[in-house]
Amino acid sequence: MDADGTRLYLTRHGEVVKVEVYHGQTDVDITPTGVKQMERLRELLKDKKLQAVYSSDLTRTWKGAEIIAQPHDLTPQAFPQFREVHFGRWQGLNYAQVMERYPSDIPQWLKNVDQFRIPDGESMIDVRQRAIPQLQELIEQHRGKEFVLVCHGALNRLILAEALHLPMAHLLRMEQDYGCLNIIEYSSTWSVVKLMNG
């Protein structure tokens, strides 16, 4: 890593209760399996020289951030800007229920992932506008250092797409499993994804 570089360990929270539904900004907890996934990440990152650990302000990411921060004697900081996309009227429903109640929503979303605003919720452009400026601030703040962000599936895809300069239309081509690890290095002029969905 360059002297002016920043290394981001971007993780997704552990498995949540009722994994089959769109939780979005509903505050749900992680399962015992989810705790083990975050403990595995803690072991993977325990020897890294982490300067900070961040998360969204939702329980499922905050709990993972606390687990990862333990060996480093760090107190995680939470930002509402890093919340999952607001799934609006889909929140609490599974795919089949959304298709039954709002049959045109998902086809429209898949055709226009970046711009389609879920009714009563957000578009990915909305999410980008609230999350990326905060991330850029943290990257600048930690030049020459390493930090962790425990985040959400859609947010992680968005951050990875930004790093790779991919159009947001392709967000769903990237998988983000529960408890996965991504590593992104940022220089003053460039970004490189070193690991995705590890």
C-alpha atoms as a PDB file:
ATOM      1  CA  MET A   1       0.000   0.000   0.000  1.00  0.00           C
ATOM      2  CA  ASP A   2       1.277   3.495  -0.872  1.00  0.00           C
ATOM      3  CA  ALA A   3       2.239   5.829   1.968  1.00  0.00           C
ATOM      4  CA  ASP A   4      -0.740   8.034   1.098  1.00  0.00           C
ATOM      5  CA  GLY A   5      -3.023   5.039   0.572  1.00  0.00           C
ATOM      6  CA  THR A   6      -5.964   3.879   2.653  1.00  0.00           C
ATOM      7  CA  ARG A   7      -6.935   0.246   3.070  1.00  0.00           C
ATOM      8  CA  LEU A   8     -10.611  -0.440   3.681  1.00  0.00           C
ATOM      9  CA  TYR A   9     -11.734  -3.782   5.069  1.00  0.00           C
ATOM     10  CA  LEU A  10     -15.366  -3.722   3.965  1.00  0.00           C
ATOM     11  CA  THR A  11     -17.502  -6.442   5.511  1.00  0.00           C
ATOM     12  CA  ARG A  12     -21.133  -7.406   5.418  1.00  0.00           C
ATOM     13  CA  HIS A  13     -22.971  -8.070   8.668  1.00  0.00           C
ATOM     14  CA  GLY A  14     -23.617 -11.630   9.785  1.00  0.00           C
ATOM     15  CA  GLU A  15     -26.684 -13.709   9.043  1.00  0.00           C
ATOM     16  CA  VAL A  16     -29.907 -12.081  10.220  1.00  0.00           C
ATOM     17  CA  VAL A  17     -33.199 -13.446  11.454  1.00  0.00           C
ATOM     18  CA  LYS A  18     -35.748 -14.089   8.675  1.00  0.00           C
ATOM     19  CA  VAL A  19     -33.111 -14.070   5.938  1.00  0.00           C
ATOM     20  CA  GLU A  20     -35.696 -14.408   3.161  1.00  0.00           C
ATOM     21  CA  VAL A  21     -37.272 -10.964   3.523  1.00  0.00           C
ATOM     22  CA  TYR A  22     -36.241  -7.454   2.486  1.00  0.00           C
ATOM     23  CA  HIS A  23     -35.222  -5.917   5.823  1.00  0.00           C
ATOM     24  CA  GLY A  24     -33.848  -2.660   4.464  1.00  0.00           C
ATOM     25  CA  GLN A  25     -33.799  -0.141   7.319  1.00  0.00           C
ATOM     26  CA  THR A  26     -35.835  -2.327   9.678  1.00  0.00           C
ATOM     27  CA  ASP A  27     -33.629  -2.934  12.705  1.00  0.00           C
ATOM     28  CA  VAL A  28     -33.090  -6.686  13.074  1.00  0.00           C
ATOM     29  CA  ASP A  29     -30.539  -8.714  15.007  1.00  0.00           C
ATOM     30  CA  ILE A  30     -28.035 -11.289  13.812  1.00  0.00           C
ATOM     31  CA  THR A  31     -28.412 -14.989  14.569  1.00  0.00           C
ATOM     32  CA  PRO A  32     -25.914 -17.178  16.485  1.00  0.00           C
ATOM     33  CA  THR A  33     -24.549 -18.148  13.048  1.00  0.00           C
ATOM     34  CA  GLY A  34     -24.182 -14.455  12.276  1.00  0.00           C
ATOM     35  CA  VAL A  35     -22.210 -13.955  15.482  1.00  0.00           C
ATOM     36  CA  LYS A  36     -19.862 -16.805  14.503  1.00  0.00           C
ATOM     37  CA  GLN A  37     -19.369 -15.245  11.054  1.00  0.00           C
ATOM     38  CA  MET A  38     -18.311 -11.974  12.680  1.00  0.00           C
ATOM     39  CA  GLU A  39     -16.054 -13.810  15.130  1.00  0.00           C
ATOM     40  CA  ARG A  40     -14.363 -15.432  12.132  1.00  0.00           C
ATOM     41  CA  LEU A  41     -13.755 -11.965  10.677  1.00  0.00           C
ATOM     42  CA  ARG A  42     -12.389 -10.846  14.045  1.00  0.00           C
ATOM     43  CA  GLU A  43      -9.816 -13.641  13.839  1.00  0.00           C
ATOM     44  CA  LEU A  44      -8.907 -12.739  10.242  1.00  0.00           C
ATOM     45  CA  LEU A  45      -8.367  -9.085  11.146  1.00  0.00           C
ATOM     46  CA  LYS A  46      -6.962  -9.361  14.672  1.00  0.00           C
ATOM     47  CA  ASP A  47      -3.347  -8.793  13.579  1.00  0.00           C
ATOM     48  CA  LYS A  48      -4.117  -5.873  11.253  1.00  0.00           C
ATOM     49  CA  LYS A  49      -3.179  -2.366  12.326  1.00  0.00           C
ATOM     50  CA  LEU A  50      -6.697  -1.015  12.359  1.00  0.00           C
ATOM     51  CA  GLN A  51      -7.118   2.653  13.145  1.00  0.00           C
ATOM     52  CA  ALA A  52     -10.909   2.578  13.388  1.00  0.00           C
ATOM     53  CA  VAL A  53     -14.016   0.428  13.014  1.00  0.00           C
ATOM     54  CA  TYR A  54     -17.223   1.894  11.585  1.00  0.00           C
ATOM     55  CA  SER A  55     -20.711   0.629  10.834  1.00  0.00           C
ATOM     56  CA  SER A  56     -24.216   1.781  10.100  1.00  0.00           C
ATOM     57  CA  ASP A  57     -26.393   2.558  13.114  1.00  0.00           C
ATOM     58  CA  LEU A  58     -28.475  -0.611  12.677  1.00  0.00           C
ATOM     59  CA  THR A  59     -28.038  -3.448  15.188  1.00  0.00           C
ATOM     60  CA  ARG A  60     -26.921  -6.044  12.655  1.00  0.00           C
ATOM     61  CA  THR A  61     -23.856  -4.021  11.637  1.00  0.00           C
ATOM     62  CA  TRP A  62     -23.162  -2.419  15.007  1.00  0.00           C
ATOM     63  CA  LYS A  63     -22.962  -5.808  16.721  1.00  0.00           C
ATOM     64  CA  GLY A  64     -20.474  -7.045  14.118  1.00  0.00           C
ATOM     65  CA  ALA A  65     -18.384  -3.893  14.487  1.00  0.00           C
ATOM     66  CA  GLU A  66     -18.164  -4.437  18.251  1.00  0.00           C
ATOM     67  CA  ILE A  67     -16.976  -8.016  17.740  1.00  0.00           C
ATOM     68  CA  ILE A  68     -14.295  -7.028  15.197  1.00  0.00           C
ATOM     69  CA  ALA A  69     -13.091  -4.085  17.301  1.00  0.00           C
ATOM     70  CA  GLN A  70     -12.478  -6.147  20.474  1.00  0.00           C
ATOM     71  CA  PRO A  71      -8.814  -7.170  19.905  1.00  0.00           C
ATOM     72  CA  HIS A  72      -7.895  -3.621  18.863  1.00  0.00           C
ATOM     73  CA  ASP A  73      -9.267  -1.813  21.914  1.00  0.00           C
ATOM     74  CA  LEU A  74     -11.367   0.359  19.602  1.00  0.00           C
ATOM     75  CA  THR A  75     -14.875   1.718  20.094  1.00  0.00           C
ATOM     76  CA  PRO A  76     -16.866   1.455  16.859  1.00  0.00           C
ATOM     77  CA  GLN A  77     -18.527   4.548  15.451  1.00  0.00           C
ATOM     78  CA  ALA A  78     -21.906   4.328  13.745  1.00  0.00           C
ATOM     79  CA  PHE A  79     -23.175   6.439  10.853  1.00  0.00           C
ATOM     80  CA  PRO A  80     -26.791   6.485   9.659  1.00  0.00           C
ATOM     81  CA  GLN A  81     -25.447   7.357   6.185  1.00  0.00           C
ATOM     82  CA  PHE A  82     -24.301   3.726   5.893  1.00  0.00           C
ATOM     83  CA  ARG A  83     -27.749   2.216   6.461  1.00  0.00           C
ATOM     84  CA  GLU A  84     -29.070  -0.347   4.015  1.00  0.00           C
ATOM     85  CA  VAL A  85     -31.211   0.918   1.145  1.00  0.00           C
ATOM     86  CA  HIS A  86     -34.726   1.771   2.312  1.00  0.00           C
ATOM     87  CA  PHE A  87     -36.870  -0.875   0.633  1.00  0.00           C
ATOM     88  CA  GLY A  88     -40.044   1.133   1.186  1.00  0.00           C
ATOM     89  CA  ARG A  89     -43.178  -0.928   0.743  1.00  0.00           C
ATOM     90  CA  TRP A  90     -41.098  -4.092   0.267  1.00  0.00           C
ATOM     91  CA  GLN A  91     -39.684  -4.030   3.794  1.00  0.00           C
ATOM     92  CA  GLY A  92     -40.713  -7.109   5.773  1.00  0.00           C
ATOM     93  CA  LEU A  93     -41.867  -8.940   2.624  1.00  0.00           C
ATOM     94  CA  ASN A  94     -40.163 -11.724   0.704  1.00  0.00           C
ATOM     95  CA  TYR A  95     -39.704 -11.849  -3.069  1.00  0.00           C
ATOM     96  CA  ALA A  96     -42.888 -13.850  -3.702  1.00  0.00           C
ATOM     97  CA  GLN A  97     -44.965 -11.466  -1.583  1.00  0.00           C
ATOM     98  CA  VAL A  98     -43.598  -8.414  -3.393  1.00  0.00           C
ATOM     99  CA  MET A  99     -44.360 -10.034  -6.755  1.00  0.00           C
ATOM    100  CA  GLU A 100     -47.896 -10.886  -5.626  1.00  0.00           C
ATOM    101  CA  ARG A 101     -48.733  -7.461  -4.170  1.00  0.00           C
ATOM    102  CA  TYR A 102     -46.712  -5.204  -6.478  1.00  0.00           C
ATOM    103  CA  PRO A 103     -46.073  -7.264  -9.646  1.00  0.00           C
ATOM    104  CA  SER A 104     -44.512  -4.434 -11.652  1.00  0.00           C
ATOM    105  CA  ASP A 105     -42.038  -3.269  -8.978  1.00  0.00           C
ATOM    106  CA  ILE A 106     -39.260  -5.848  -9.236  1.00  0.00           C
ATOM    107  CA  PRO A 107     -39.220  -6.020 -13.071  1.00  0.00           C
ATOM    108  CA  GLN A 108     -38.907  -2.201 -13.143  1.00  0.00           C
ATOM    109  CA  TRP A 109     -36.161  -2.332 -10.512  1.00  0.00           C
ATOM    110  CA  LEU A 110     -34.175  -4.979 -12.397  1.00  0.00           C
ATOM    111  CA  LYS A 111     -34.374  -2.939 -15.614  1.00  0.00           C
ATOM    112  CA  ASN A 112     -33.242   0.236 -13.887  1.00  0.00           C
ATOM    113  CA  VAL A 113     -31.387  -0.753 -10.704  1.00  0.00           C
ATOM    114  CA  ASP A 114     -29.721   2.603 -10.168  1.00  0.00           C
ATOM    115  CA  GLN A 115     -32.657   4.955 -10.791  1.00  0.00           C
ATOM    116  CA  PHE A 116     -35.788   3.036  -9.800  1.00  0.00           C
ATOM    117  CA  ARG A 117     -37.067   4.402  -6.501  1.00  0.00           C
ATOM    118  CA  ILE A 118     -38.908   1.736  -4.567  1.00  0.00           C
ATOM    119  CA  PRO A 119     -42.277   3.277  -3.602  1.00  0.00           C
ATOM    120  CA  ASP A 120     -41.973   4.811  -0.118  1.00  0.00           C
ATOM    121  CA  GLY A 121     -38.272   3.999  -0.209  1.00  0.00           C
ATOM    122  CA  GLU A 122     -35.028   4.876  -1.988  1.00  0.00           C
ATOM    123  CA  SER A 123     -33.251   4.464  -5.305  1.00  0.00           C
ATOM    124  CA  MET A 124     -29.593   3.464  -5.435  1.00  0.00           C
ATOM    125  CA  ILE A 125     -28.811   7.007  -6.576  1.00  0.00           C
ATOM    126  CA  ASP A 126     -30.365   8.219  -3.307  1.00  0.00           C
ATOM    127  CA  VAL A 127     -28.205   5.766  -1.371  1.00  0.00           C
ATOM    128  CA  ARG A 128     -25.074   6.854  -3.218  1.00  0.00           C
ATOM    129  CA  GLN A 129     -25.732  10.510  -2.408  1.00  0.00           C
ATOM    130  CA  ARG A 130     -25.938   9.833   1.327  1.00  0.00           C
ATOM    131  CA  ALA A 131     -23.234   7.172   1.698  1.00  0.00           C
ATOM    132  CA  ILE A 132     -20.340   7.908  -0.665  1.00  0.00           C
ATOM    133  CA  PRO A 133     -19.483  11.429   0.617  1.00  0.00           C
ATOM    134  CA  GLN A 134     -19.236  10.020   4.166  1.00  0.00           C
ATOM    135  CA  LEU A 135     -17.013   7.169   2.944  1.00  0.00           C
ATOM    136  CA  GLN A 136     -14.753   9.579   1.070  1.00  0.00           C
ATOM    137  CA  GLU A 137     -14.371  11.627   4.234  1.00  0.00           C
ATOM    138  CA  LEU A 138     -13.262   8.533   6.161  1.00  0.00           C
ATOM    139  CA  ILE A 139     -10.833   7.523   3.404  1.00  0.00           C
ATOM    140  CA  GLU A 140      -9.182  10.956   3.568  1.00  0.00           C
ATOM    141  CA  GLN A 141      -9.157  10.885   7.350  1.00  0.00           C
ATOM    142  CA  HIS A 142      -7.273   7.576   7.378  1.00  0.00           C
ATOM    143  CA  ARG A 143      -4.601   8.180   4.713  1.00  0.00           C
ATOM    144  CA  GLY A 144      -1.742   5.727   5.222  1.00  0.00           C
ATOM    145  CA  LYS A 145      -3.926   3.676   7.580  1.00  0.00           C
ATOM    146  CA  GLU A 146      -6.379   0.791   7.641  1.00  0.00           C
ATOM    147  CA  PHE A 147      -9.974   0.751   8.843  1.00  0.00           C
ATOM    148  CA  VAL A 148     -13.041  -1.480   8.866  1.00  0.00           C
ATOM    149  CA  LEU A 149     -16.571  -0.701   7.732  1.00  0.00           C
ATOM    150  CA  VAL A 150     -19.266  -3.219   8.660  1.00  0.00           C
ATOM    151  CA  CYS A 151     -22.043  -2.549   6.215  1.00  0.00           C
ATOM    152  CA  HIS A 152     -24.952  -4.011   4.222  1.00  0.00           C
ATOM    153  CA  GLY A 153     -25.355  -5.978   1.000  1.00  0.00           C
ATOM    154  CA  ALA A 154     -26.578  -3.140  -1.220  1.00  0.00           C
ATOM    155  CA  LEU A 155     -24.178  -0.616   0.304  1.00  0.00           C
ATOM    156  CA  ASN A 156     -21.215  -2.931  -0.170  1.00  0.00           C
ATOM    157  CA  ARG A 157     -22.107  -3.443  -3.828  1.00  0.00           C
ATOM    158  CA  LEU A 158     -22.356   0.303  -4.281  1.00  0.00           C
ATOM    159  CA  ILE A 159     -18.958   0.919  -2.635  1.00  0.00           C
ATOM    160  CA  LEU A 160     -17.350  -1.811  -4.754  1.00  0.00           C
ATOM    161  CA  ALA A 161     -18.905  -0.397  -7.934  1.00  0.00           C
ATOM    162  CA  GLU A 162     -17.516   3.037  -7.063  1.00  0.00           C
ATOM    163  CA  ALA A 163     -14.052   1.578  -6.510  1.00  0.00           C
ATOM    164  CA  LEU A 164     -14.193  -0.320  -9.816  1.00  0.00           C
ATOM    165  CA  HIS A 165     -15.814   2.571 -11.718  1.00  0.00           C
ATOM    166  CA  LEU A 166     -18.671   0.279 -12.724  1.00  0.00           C
ATOM    167  CA  PRO A 167     -22.082   1.659 -13.672  1.00  0.00           C
ATOM    168  CA  MET A 168     -24.580   1.150 -10.860  1.00  0.00           C
ATOM    169  CA  ALA A 169     -26.783  -0.718 -13.336  1.00  0.00           C
ATOM    170  CA  HIS A 170     -24.496  -3.723 -12.725  1.00  0.00           C
ATOM    171  CA  LEU A 171     -24.707  -3.771  -8.919  1.00  0.00           C
ATOM    172  CA  LEU A 172     -26.585  -7.072  -8.782  1.00  0.00           C
ATOM    173  CA  ARG A 173     -23.777  -8.831 -10.676  1.00  0.00           C
ATOM    174  CA  MET A 174     -21.725  -8.778  -7.456  1.00  0.00           C
ATOM    175  CA  GLU A 175     -22.515 -11.148  -4.600  1.00  0.00           C
ATOM    176  CA  GLN A 176     -22.134 -10.165  -0.955  1.00  0.00           C
ATOM    177  CA  ASP A 177     -22.587 -13.100   1.404  1.00  0.00           C
ATOM    178  CA  TYR A 178     -23.283 -12.692   5.103  1.00  0.00           C
ATOM    179  CA  GLY A 179     -20.004 -12.118   6.949  1.00  0.00           C
ATOM    180  CA  CYS A 180     -17.978 -11.657   3.751  1.00  0.00           C
ATOM    181  CA  LEU A 181     -14.801  -9.593   3.500  1.00  0.00           C
ATOM    182  CA  ASN A 182     -13.800  -7.167   0.742  1.00  0.00           C
ATOM    183  CA  ILE A 183     -10.482  -5.314   0.675  1.00  0.00           C
ATOM    184  CA  ILE A 184     -10.164  -2.037  -1.217  1.00  0.00           C
ATOM    185  CA  GLU A 185      -7.054   0.126  -1.410  1.00  0.00           C
ATOM    186  CA  TYR A 186      -7.406   3.819  -2.219  1.00  0.00           C
ATOM    187  CA  SER A 187      -4.522   6.046  -3.308  1.00  0.00           C
ATOM    188  CA  SER A 188      -4.916   9.759  -3.989  1.00  0.00           C
ATOM    189  CA  THR A 189      -5.701   8.967  -7.645  1.00  0.00           C
ATOM    190  CA  TRP A 190      -6.730   5.328  -7.849  1.00  0.00           C
ATOM    191  CA  SER A 191      -8.653   2.504  -6.189  1.00  0.00           C
ATOM    192  CA  VAL A 192      -7.960  -1.223  -6.388  1.00  0.00           C
ATOM    193  CA  VAL A 193     -10.204  -4.037  -5.175  1.00  0.00           C
ATOM    194  CA  LYS A 194      -7.838  -6.623  -3.673  1.00  0.00           C
ATOM    195  CA  LEU A 195     -10.543  -9.044  -2.499  1.00  0.00           C
ATOM    196  CA  MET A 196     -14.270  -9.360  -3.154  1.00  0.00           C
ATOM    197  CA  ASN A 197     -16.791 -11.467  -1.243  1.00  0.00           C
ATOM    198  CA  GLY A 198     -14.012 -13.383   0.534  1.00  0.00           C
END
